[in-house]
């Protein structure tokens, strides 16, 4: 359920790229990806989420993913958002940095685990 919440939030964000204000979000995500990843936020090891720019052809997306030896777990709604499984030996931090450094990529981030804490009255 936690993964579903994170995925839904990212799908919603990925559909917002037509908004001119989103470019600052994309550049912020790229900057965050190039710095050290926060260790206090739980994420799924061996998986990342990558959103390619809208103008990147499917063949080029496939080539990039194959070049980094990743496996597509999910492509969301004909968008350029991909849930990827990493090859053994490639850390989440390394993969995020590799993808985020590419001009074809809008953002790359770990597959964060999001959820809610139980509320007690």
Protein backbone atom coordinates (compact mmCIF):
# COMPACT_ATOMS: atom_id res chain seq x y z
CA UNK A 1 0.00 0.00 0.00
CA UNK A 2 2.87 2.38 0.82
CA UNK A 3 4.41 1.80 -2.61
CA UNK A 4 1.04 2.45 -4.25
CA UNK A 5 0.79 5.83 -2.50
CA UNK A 6 4.29 6.81 -3.69
CA UNK A 7 3.53 5.66 -7.21
CA UNK A 8 0.25 7.57 -7.40
CA UNK A 9 1.97 10.74 -6.20
CA UNK A 10 4.67 10.41 -8.86
CA UNK A 11 2.17 9.72 -11.61
CA UNK A 12 0.30 12.86 -10.63
CA UNK A 13 3.53 14.87 -10.72
CA UNK A 14 4.59 13.40 -14.06
CA UNK A 15 1.39 14.61 -15.69
CA UNK A 16 2.17 18.20 -14.70
CA UNK A 17 5.12 18.75 -17.03
CA UNK A 18 3.10 20.90 -19.43
CA UNK A 19 3.02 23.53 -16.68
CA UNK A 20 5.87 26.03 -17.13
CA UNK A 21 6.44 26.10 -13.37
CA UNK A 22 7.41 22.44 -13.35
CA UNK A 23 10.78 23.06 -14.97
CA UNK A 24 12.02 24.43 -11.65
CA UNK A 25 10.76 21.24 -9.98
CA UNK A 26 12.64 19.17 -12.56
CA UNK A 27 15.85 21.14 -12.08
CA UNK A 28 15.44 20.84 -8.31
CA UNK A 29 15.00 17.07 -8.63
CA UNK A 30 18.09 16.82 -10.82
CA UNK A 31 20.07 18.87 -8.30
CA UNK A 32 18.82 16.78 -5.40
CA UNK A 33 19.71 13.61 -7.26
CA UNK A 34 23.26 14.80 -7.85
CA UNK A 35 23.82 15.45 -4.14
CA UNK A 36 23.90 12.81 -1.44
CA UNK A 37 20.60 11.02 -1.04
CA UNK A 38 18.98 11.46 2.36
CA UNK A 39 19.62 8.36 4.41
CA UNK A 40 16.68 8.96 6.74
CA UNK A 41 14.04 8.38 4.05
CA UNK A 42 13.23 4.73 3.48
CA UNK A 43 13.41 3.47 -0.09
CA UNK A 44 13.30 0.11 -1.85
CA UNK A 45 16.79 -1.19 -2.56
CA UNK A 46 17.49 -2.06 -6.18
CA UNK A 47 14.71 0.14 -7.61
CA UNK A 48 14.45 3.71 -8.88
CA UNK A 49 11.93 5.92 -10.68
CA UNK A 50 13.06 7.79 -13.78
CA UNK A 51 11.12 10.31 -15.84
CA UNK A 52 12.47 11.09 -19.28
CA UNK A 53 11.76 14.38 -21.03
CA UNK A 54 8.70 14.36 -23.29
CA UNK A 55 10.75 14.87 -26.47
CA UNK A 56 12.87 11.73 -25.96
CA UNK A 57 11.95 8.97 -28.42
CA UNK A 58 11.01 5.51 -27.13
CA UNK A 59 13.96 3.94 -28.92
CA UNK A 60 16.35 6.30 -27.14
CA UNK A 61 14.71 5.62 -23.77
CA UNK A 62 15.09 1.88 -24.35
CA UNK A 63 18.73 2.32 -25.37
CA UNK A 64 19.57 4.30 -22.23
CA UNK A 65 17.83 1.83 -19.92
CA UNK A 66 19.51 -1.11 -21.64
CA UNK A 67 22.90 0.62 -21.56
CA UNK A 68 22.67 0.86 -17.76
CA UNK A 69 21.47 -2.78 -17.67
CA UNK A 70 18.24 -1.93 -15.90
CA UNK A 71 14.95 -3.79 -16.24
CA UNK A 72 11.61 -1.99 -16.70
CA UNK A 73 9.17 -3.03 -13.98
CA UNK A 74 6.46 -0.52 -14.96
CA UNK A 75 5.88 2.23 -17.49
CA UNK A 76 3.15 4.51 -16.21
CA UNK A 77 0.25 5.51 -18.50
CA UNK A 78 2.14 6.02 -21.76
CA UNK A 79 4.13 8.68 -19.95
CA UNK A 80 7.86 8.89 -19.80
CA UNK A 81 7.85 7.71 -16.16
CA UNK A 82 9.51 4.34 -15.54
CA UNK A 83 9.86 2.15 -12.46
CA UNK A 84 13.19 0.36 -12.93
CA UNK A 85 14.94 -2.57 -11.33
CA UNK A 86 18.69 -2.12 -11.08
CA UNK A 87 21.26 -4.74 -12.00
CA UNK A 88 23.22 -6.37 -9.21
CA UNK A 89 26.20 -4.24 -8.27
CA UNK A 90 24.60 -0.90 -9.20
CA UNK A 91 23.51 0.98 -6.09
CA UNK A 92 20.45 3.21 -5.92
CA UNK A 93 22.71 6.23 -5.36
CA UNK A 94 24.88 5.40 -8.38
CA UNK A 95 21.87 4.77 -10.63
CA UNK A 96 20.13 8.00 -9.61
CA UNK A 97 23.30 9.98 -10.31
CA UNK A 98 23.85 8.24 -13.68
CA UNK A 99 20.30 8.87 -14.90
CA UNK A 100 20.06 12.40 -13.45
CA UNK A 101 23.24 13.42 -15.27
CA UNK A 102 21.66 12.71 -18.66
CA UNK A 103 20.03 15.59 -20.52
CA UNK A 104 17.25 13.22 -21.64
CA UNK A 105 16.13 12.73 -18.02
CA UNK A 106 13.74 15.09 -16.24
CA UNK A 107 14.33 13.42 -12.86
CA UNK A 108 15.58 10.24 -11.26
CA UNK A 109 15.00 9.26 -7.65
CA UNK A 110 14.92 6.25 -5.35
CA UNK A 111 11.66 4.37 -5.06
CA UNK A 112 10.75 6.01 -1.76
CA UNK A 113 8.43 4.25 0.65
CA UNK A 114 5.68 6.66 1.64
CA UNK A 115 2.91 6.09 4.08
CA UNK A 116 0.95 7.46 6.94
CA UNK A 117 1.41 6.95 10.63
CA UNK A 118 -1.57 5.68 12.61
CA UNK A 119 -3.38 8.49 14.38
CA UNK A 120 -4.33 7.87 17.97
CA UNK A 121 -7.06 9.85 19.71
